[in-house]
Protein backbone atom coordinates (compact mmCIF):
# COMPACT_ATOMS: atom_id res chain seq x y z
CA UNK A 1 22.49 5.68 23.55
CA UNK A 2 21.18 8.50 21.34
CA UNK A 3 17.85 8.14 19.61
CA UNK A 4 17.47 7.85 15.83
CA UNK A 5 16.26 11.19 14.48
CA UNK A 6 13.67 11.02 11.73
CA UNK A 7 11.42 13.35 9.74
CA UNK A 8 7.81 13.06 8.62
CA UNK A 9 7.17 14.38 5.10
CA UNK A 10 3.45 15.03 4.67
CA UNK A 11 1.28 15.53 7.76
CA UNK A 12 -2.08 14.33 6.47
CA UNK A 13 -4.30 11.34 7.26
CA UNK A 14 -1.88 8.42 6.96
CA UNK A 15 0.87 10.25 8.86
CA UNK A 16 -1.42 11.12 11.79
CA UNK A 17 -3.32 7.83 11.89
CA UNK A 18 -0.35 5.51 11.49
CA UNK A 19 3.25 6.70 11.02
CA UNK A 20 3.51 9.39 13.69
CA UNK A 21 1.83 7.44 16.53
CA UNK A 22 4.00 4.40 15.74
CA UNK A 23 7.22 6.43 15.80
CA UNK A 24 6.10 8.13 19.02
CA UNK A 25 5.65 4.67 20.58
CA UNK A 26 9.13 3.54 19.55
CA UNK A 27 11.62 4.33 22.37
CA UNK A 28 14.57 4.41 19.96
CA UNK A 29 13.19 7.21 17.76
CA UNK A 30 12.89 10.98 17.97
CA UNK A 31 10.89 12.98 15.41
CA UNK A 32 12.94 16.08 14.60
CA UNK A 33 10.86 17.56 11.75
CA UNK A 34 7.24 17.60 10.67
CA UNK A 35 7.04 18.81 7.06
CA UNK A 36 4.06 19.76 4.94
CA UNK A 37 3.56 22.22 2.08
CA UNK A 38 0.51 23.37 4.04
CA UNK A 39 2.47 24.75 6.97
CA UNK A 40 -0.50 24.74 9.31
CA UNK A 41 -0.60 20.92 9.15
CA UNK A 42 3.03 20.72 10.23
CA UNK A 43 2.38 23.27 12.98
CA UNK A 44 -0.59 21.24 14.19
CA UNK A 45 1.57 18.11 14.39
CA UNK A 46 4.20 19.89 16.50
CA UNK A 47 1.49 21.08 18.87
CA UNK A 48 -0.30 17.71 19.01
CA UNK A 49 2.74 15.53 19.60
CA UNK A 50 4.81 17.99 21.62
CA UNK A 51 8.05 17.56 19.73
CA UNK A 52 9.87 18.48 16.53
CA UNK A 53 10.00 21.55 14.31
CA UNK A 54 7.43 22.47 11.67
CA UNK A 55 8.87 22.94 8.18
CA UNK A 56 7.21 23.81 4.87
CA UNK A 57 9.95 22.73 2.43
CA UNK A 58 11.78 19.42 2.88
CA UNK A 59 14.87 20.85 1.17
CA UNK A 60 15.45 22.88 4.36
CA UNK A 61 16.58 19.72 6.20
CA UNK A 62 17.47 17.42 3.30
CA UNK A 63 21.14 17.53 4.25
CA UNK A 64 20.75 17.71 8.02
CA UNK A 65 23.42 15.24 9.23
CA UNK A 66 21.33 14.32 12.29
CA UNK A 67 18.46 12.94 10.21
CA UNK A 68 18.89 9.22 9.54
CA UNK A 69 15.51 8.35 8.05
CA UNK A 70 12.23 9.78 6.77
CA UNK A 71 8.66 8.66 6.23
CA UNK A 72 7.18 9.93 2.97
CA UNK A 73 3.43 10.37 3.50
CA UNK A 74 2.62 12.78 0.67
CA UNK A 75 0.25 12.38 -2.30
CA UNK A 76 1.57 9.83 -4.82
CA UNK A 77 2.82 12.52 -7.22
CA UNK A 78 5.74 13.38 -4.94
CA UNK A 79 6.73 9.87 -3.80
CA UNK A 80 9.50 9.30 -6.33
CA UNK A 81 10.97 12.81 -6.23
CA UNK A 82 11.16 13.06 -2.44
CA UNK A 83 12.32 9.47 -1.98
CA UNK A 84 15.14 9.80 -4.50
CA UNK A 85 16.25 13.14 -3.04
CA UNK A 86 16.55 11.68 0.46
CA UNK A 87 18.24 8.46 -0.68
CA UNK A 88 20.87 10.49 -2.50
CA UNK A 89 21.25 12.68 0.58
CA UNK A 90 22.23 9.54 2.48
CA UNK A 91 18.93 8.97 4.31
CA UNK A 92 16.85 5.81 4.71
CA UNK A 93 13.25 6.00 3.46
CA UNK A 94 9.90 4.45 4.27
CA UNK A 95 7.58 5.58 1.47
CA UNK A 96 3.84 5.06 1.74
CA UNK A 97 2.10 2.89 -0.83
CA UNK A 98 1.90 2.87 -3.77
CA UNK A 99 5.61 3.22 -4.46
CA UNK A 100 4.79 5.73 -7.22
CA UNK A 101 2.21 6.76 -9.81
CA UNK A 102 3.77 4.66 -12.57
CA UNK A 103 6.11 1.72 -12.98
CA UNK A 104 8.70 4.03 -14.56
CA UNK A 105 8.78 6.21 -11.44
CA UNK A 106 8.98 3.14 -9.19
CA UNK A 107 11.95 1.84 -11.19
CA UNK A 108 13.72 5.19 -10.74
CA UNK A 109 13.25 4.79 -6.99
CA UNK A 110 14.57 1.24 -7.13
CA UNK A 111 17.61 2.38 -9.12
CA UNK A 112 18.34 5.11 -6.57
CA UNK A 113 18.15 2.54 -3.76
CA UNK A 114 20.57 0.24 -5.57
CA UNK A 115 22.85 3.19 -6.29
CA UNK A 116 22.96 4.46 -2.70
CA UNK A 117 22.56 1.25 -0.72
CA UNK A 118 20.21 2.99 1.69
CA UNK A 119 17.02 1.34 2.93
CA UNK A 120 13.91 1.91 0.82
CA UNK A 121 10.80 0.20 2.09
CA UNK A 122 7.29 0.72 0.72
CA UNK A 123 4.25 1.00 3.00
CA UNK A 124 2.68 -2.34 2.07
CA UNK A 125 1.72 -2.67 5.71
CA UNK A 126 -0.16 -5.97 5.36
CA UNK A 127 3.20 -7.73 5.20
CA UNK A 128 3.34 -6.90 8.92
CA UNK A 129 -0.23 -8.03 9.64
CA UNK A 130 -0.67 -10.96 12.05
CA UNK A 131 -3.41 -12.75 10.10
CA UNK A 132 -1.60 -12.36 6.78
CA UNK A 133 1.60 -13.79 8.23
CA UNK A 134 -0.17 -16.75 9.82
CA UNK A 135 -1.90 -17.54 6.54
CA UNK A 136 1.35 -17.13 4.64
CA UNK A 137 3.01 -19.65 6.97
CA UNK A 138 0.21 -22.15 6.28
CA UNK A 139 0.50 -21.65 2.51
CA UNK A 140 4.30 -21.82 2.49
CA UNK A 141 4.27 -24.98 4.62
CA UNK A 142 2.38 -26.77 1.84
CA UNK A 143 -0.64 -27.48 4.04
CA UNK A 144 -2.99 -26.21 1.32
CA UNK A 145 -1.06 -27.99 -1.43
CA UNK A 146 -0.41 -26.14 -4.68
CA UNK A 147 -2.10 -22.75 -4.74
CA UNK A 148 -3.22 -22.68 -8.35
CA UNK A 149 -5.68 -19.77 -8.31
CA UNK A 150 -6.37 -16.70 -6.19
CA UNK A 151 -9.56 -14.62 -6.35
CA UNK A 152 -9.39 -11.03 -5.12
CA UNK A 153 -12.40 -8.84 -4.26
CA UNK A 154 -12.10 -5.26 -3.03
CA UNK A 155 -15.56 -3.93 -3.78
CA UNK A 156 -17.46 -1.27 -1.85
CA UNK A 157 -20.79 0.47 -2.45
CA UNK A 158 -19.98 4.22 -2.46
CA UNK A 159 -16.48 4.84 -1.09
CA UNK A 160 -14.75 7.26 -3.46
CA UNK A 161 -12.29 9.23 -1.27
CA UNK A 162 -11.88 13.02 -1.42
CA UNK A 163 -14.04 13.44 -4.53
CA UNK A 164 -12.42 15.95 -6.90
CA UNK A 165 -9.26 16.21 -4.80
CA UNK A 166 -5.84 14.55 -4.98
CA UNK A 167 -7.25 11.01 -4.76
CA UNK A 168 -9.29 11.35 -7.96
CA UNK A 169 -6.81 13.32 -10.07
CA UNK A 170 -4.72 10.96 -12.20
CA UNK A 171 -1.86 13.45 -12.55
CA UNK A 172 -1.50 13.41 -8.75
CA UNK A 173 -2.57 9.89 -7.75
CA UNK A 174 -1.68 7.90 -10.86
CA UNK A 175 -4.99 6.05 -10.75
CA UNK A 176 -8.03 5.27 -8.65
CA UNK A 177 -9.28 2.16 -6.88
CA UNK A 178 -6.60 -0.11 -8.35
CA UNK A 179 -3.64 1.95 -7.23
CA UNK A 180 -5.27 2.99 -3.93
CA UNK A 181 -6.87 -0.26 -2.70
CA UNK A 182 -5.76 -2.86 -5.21
CA UNK A 183 -2.09 -2.35 -4.36
CA UNK A 184 -2.73 -3.77 -0.87
CA UNK A 185 -4.71 -6.79 -2.08
CA UNK A 186 -2.31 -7.69 -4.87
CA UNK A 187 0.63 -7.27 -2.52
CA UNK A 188 -0.95 -9.73 -0.06
CA UNK A 189 -1.34 -12.24 -2.88
CA UNK A 190 2.28 -11.80 -3.89
CA UNK A 191 3.55 -12.07 -0.32
CA UNK A 192 1.54 -15.18 0.57
CA UNK A 193 2.43 -17.02 -2.63
CA UNK A 194 6.17 -16.24 -2.62
CA UNK A 195 6.28 -13.18 -4.91
CA UNK A 196 5.86 -15.03 -8.23
CA UNK A 197 6.72 -13.06 -11.35
CA UNK A 198 3.70 -11.99 -13.46
CA UNK A 199 3.70 -13.24 -17.06
CA UNK A 200 0.58 -11.84 -18.73
CA UNK A 201 -2.07 -9.32 -17.65
CA UNK A 202 -5.51 -8.48 -19.02
CA UNK A 203 -7.71 -5.87 -17.36
CA UNK A 204 -10.35 -3.21 -17.81
CA UNK A 205 -10.62 -0.10 -15.65
CA UNK A 206 -13.84 1.94 -15.58
CA UNK A 207 -14.48 5.55 -14.55
CA UNK A 208 -18.25 5.71 -14.17
CA UNK A 209 -19.97 6.63 -10.91
CA UNK A 210 -17.81 9.54 -9.81
CA UNK A 211 -17.69 11.40 -13.11
CA UNK A 212 -20.86 13.40 -12.41
CA UNK A 213 -19.48 14.76 -9.14
CA UNK A 214 -22.36 17.10 -8.17
CA UNK A 215 -24.81 14.17 -8.31
CA UNK A 216 -22.64 11.52 -6.66
CA UNK A 217 -24.58 10.13 -3.67
CA UNK A 218 -22.78 8.67 -0.65
CA UNK A 219 -23.12 8.02 3.09
CA UNK A 220 -19.59 8.91 4.16
CA UNK A 221 -16.30 9.78 2.50
CA UNK A 222 -12.69 9.12 3.47
CA UNK A 223 -10.60 12.31 3.36
CA UNK A 224 -13.71 14.43 2.80
CA UNK A 225 -11.73 17.53 3.81
CA UNK A 226 -9.97 17.27 0.41
CA UNK A 227 -13.26 17.09 -1.55
CA UNK A 228 -13.52 19.65 -4.37
CA UNK A 229 -16.52 19.46 -6.71
CA UNK A 230 -14.74 21.94 -9.01
CA UNK A 231 -11.74 19.63 -9.15
CA UNK A 232 -10.82 16.66 -11.33
CA UNK A 233 -12.25 13.14 -11.55
CA UNK A 234 -10.41 11.09 -14.18
CA UNK A 235 -9.49 7.86 -12.37
CA UNK A 236 -10.89 4.34 -12.17
CA UNK A 237 -13.68 3.57 -9.70
CA UNK A 238 -14.06 -0.07 -10.89
CA UNK A 239 -11.50 -2.52 -12.21
CA UNK A 240 -11.52 -6.16 -13.27
CA UNK A 241 -8.59 -8.26 -14.38
CA UNK A 242 -6.83 -11.57 -14.96
CA UNK A 243 -3.15 -12.26 -14.30
CA UNK A 244 -0.99 -15.27 -15.15
CA UNK A 245 2.09 -15.62 -12.94
CA UNK A 246 4.86 -18.17 -12.56
CA UNK A 247 2.72 -19.43 -9.69
CA UNK A 248 -1.07 -19.12 -9.45
CA UNK A 249 -3.43 -17.30 -11.77
CA UNK A 250 -5.20 -14.30 -10.24
CA UNK A 251 -8.61 -12.80 -10.96
CA UNK A 252 -9.82 -9.59 -9.38
CA UNK A 253 -12.78 -7.24 -9.11
CA UNK A 254 -12.38 -3.94 -7.32
CA UNK A 255 -14.67 -0.96 -6.80
CA UNK A 256 -14.48 2.32 -4.96
CA UNK A 257 -18.10 2.68 -6.04
CA UNK A 258 -20.64 0.26 -7.50
CA UNK A 259 -24.41 0.05 -7.63
CA UNK A 260 -24.40 -3.01 -5.39
CA UNK A 261 -24.94 -2.19 -1.74
CA UNK A 262 -22.73 -4.94 -0.35
CA UNK A 263 -19.03 -4.59 0.41
CA UNK A 264 -16.96 -7.65 -0.46
CA UNK A 265 -13.37 -7.33 0.70
CA UNK A 266 -11.59 -10.66 0.81
CA UNK A 267 -9.03 -12.88 -0.89
CA UNK A 268 -9.58 -16.58 -1.70
CA UNK A 269 -6.51 -18.81 -1.97
CA UNK A 270 -7.51 -22.00 -3.78
CA UNK A 271 -5.20 -25.01 -3.42
CA UNK A 272 -5.11 -28.72 -4.20
CA UNK A 273 -5.26 -29.83 -0.53
CA UNK A 274 -7.26 -26.96 0.86
CA UNK A 275 -8.19 -23.33 0.52
CA UNK A 276 -8.48 -20.21 2.62
CA UNK A 277 -10.52 -17.02 2.64
CA UNK A 278 -8.78 -14.00 4.16
CA UNK A 279 -11.15 -11.23 5.21
CA UNK A 280 -9.24 -8.02 4.55
CA UNK A 281 -8.22 -6.46 7.84
CA UNK A 282 -9.66 -9.43 9.74
CA UNK A 283 -9.31 -13.16 10.29
CA UNK A 284 -9.23 -16.07 7.87
CA UNK A 285 -10.90 -19.45 7.46
CA UNK A 286 -9.21 -22.60 6.17
CA UNK A 287 -11.22 -25.21 4.23
CA UNK A 288 -9.76 -28.71 3.85
CA UNK A 289 -10.48 -32.41 4.44
CA UNK A 290 -9.60 -34.87 7.19
CA UNK A 291 -10.39 -38.58 7.60
CA UNK A 292 -12.91 -38.51 4.77
CA UNK A 293 -14.68 -35.42 6.08
CA UNK A 294 -14.88 -31.79 5.03
CA UNK A 295 -13.30 -29.53 7.62
CA UNK A 296 -13.14 -25.78 8.17
CA UNK A 297 -11.46 -23.87 10.95
CA UNK A 298 -10.45 -20.35 12.00
CA UNK A 299 -6.97 -20.22 13.52
CA UNK A 300 -6.56 -18.24 16.74
CA UNK A 301 -3.38 -16.29 17.34
CA UNK A 302 -2.04 -13.22 19.08
CA UNK A 303 -2.56 -10.08 17.02
CA UNK A 304 -0.14 -7.16 17.09
CA UNK A 305 -0.68 -3.70 15.49
CA UNK A 306 0.57 -3.87 11.90
CA UNK A 307 1.61 -0.23 11.58
CA UNK A 308 3.61 -0.47 14.79
CA UNK A 309 5.20 -3.67 13.46
CA UNK A 310 6.03 -1.90 10.21
CA UNK A 311 7.64 1.14 11.83
CA UNK A 312 9.56 -0.93 14.39
CA UNK A 313 10.83 -3.22 11.64
CA UNK A 314 11.92 -0.21 9.56
CA UNK A 315 13.88 1.24 12.47
CA UNK A 316 15.44 -2.13 13.31
CA UNK A 317 16.44 -2.93 9.73
CA UNK A 318 18.37 0.34 9.49
CA UNK A 319 20.46 -0.87 12.43
CA UNK A 320 20.78 -4.50 11.35
CA UNK A 321 20.96 -4.26 7.56
CA UNK A 322 18.16 -6.83 7.23
CA UNK A 323 16.20 -6.68 3.96
CA UNK A 324 12.50 -6.54 4.83
CA UNK A 325 9.64 -8.12 2.85
CA UNK A 326 8.49 -4.54 2.07
CA UNK A 327 11.75 -3.66 0.26
CA UNK A 328 11.37 -1.85 -3.07
CA UNK A 329 12.62 -4.96 -4.88
CA UNK A 330 9.43 -6.77 -3.77
CA UNK A 331 7.07 -3.82 -4.22
CA UNK A 332 8.20 -3.41 -7.82
CA UNK A 333 6.40 -6.67 -8.71
CA UNK A 334 3.01 -5.27 -7.75
CA UNK A 335 3.85 -1.98 -9.48
CA UNK A 336 4.56 -3.99 -12.64
CA UNK A 337 1.18 -5.72 -12.48
CA UNK A 338 -0.77 -2.52 -11.87
CA UNK A 339 0.96 -0.70 -14.72
CA UNK A 340 0.18 -3.63 -17.02
CA UNK A 341 -3.47 -3.51 -15.94
CA UNK A 342 -3.77 0.16 -16.79
CA UNK A 343 -1.92 -0.43 -20.08
CA UNK A 344 -4.18 -3.38 -20.93
CA UNK A 345 -7.29 -1.33 -20.23
CA UNK A 346 -6.10 1.59 -22.34
CA UNK A 347 -4.88 -0.55 -25.25
CA UNK A 348 -7.73 -3.08 -25.13
CA UNK A 349 -5.46 -6.11 -25.20
CA UNK A 350 -3.51 -8.53 -23.04
CA UNK A 351 -0.05 -7.33 -21.95
CA UNK A 352 2.81 -9.82 -22.09
CA UNK A 353 5.54 -9.11 -19.52
């Protein structure tokens, strides 16, 4: 049986740390192309992984009949354009998060998926995380009762990525900490609580600590190779908000950078029978009662690599036609909330959806 041929579009950090190794570990897949506008990155991938052809322009293989699917791992600015081009060329797409810079772009991607019928999944990888799925099962079983409020914290001390580069340029990234980190946290909330529709959103986004780039002090920096102190910094490094949904209310505080030297990265699900704190990227604790006593426990379970789960599920759903939890129709809900948060911050008022 022949292997599914795929292409990697964008050969930067997320491609090399997650997508490419996961495809390489899947016995049903063959990477035919590595593509990057910086050709040396594509060349390096060919040399590192010992397969495929390095290409600078994705249009060169857009209509290659052998290619069945692609992973889009580029900066956010190109997500919608590349995704739509490949969908209309008859290819299936896994696009890294966020789906796009704006809700309007995400809706164009969704429309193209509906038009073509091809798979379009978004890289909300926590939907393939073992702890998240165990906690979701507990919540959906009713063990915690009605989840009436969720508190979200994604705060770090000094963690602005690639200062002055693509991450901090709104025209490229679409936003800062909310669209980069918040998308994962909000998506977990949506997934665990059954994807309730948001009703109203109020938020304020701040751009404070990274503005004076030459004097920004830090210990380490993600994607420091993209740092450019002559570049642009016009995105949010702190955000706070309140969301009403058809299910629980949600409050959040997020920071790429704050003058508090403690990182707080967790989600609290507060229910009528019990509650749970999920440590982002880690385990979770359940708090409840039993026989007149207060009880807390940490479930133990087998963990499997979430990026491998995501890639394997993408490959399998192309064959089976199964609609995954990471489908664009689900991701559009989080995109709607984030757009409303940015709109609320800019307009200084609550947004009714």
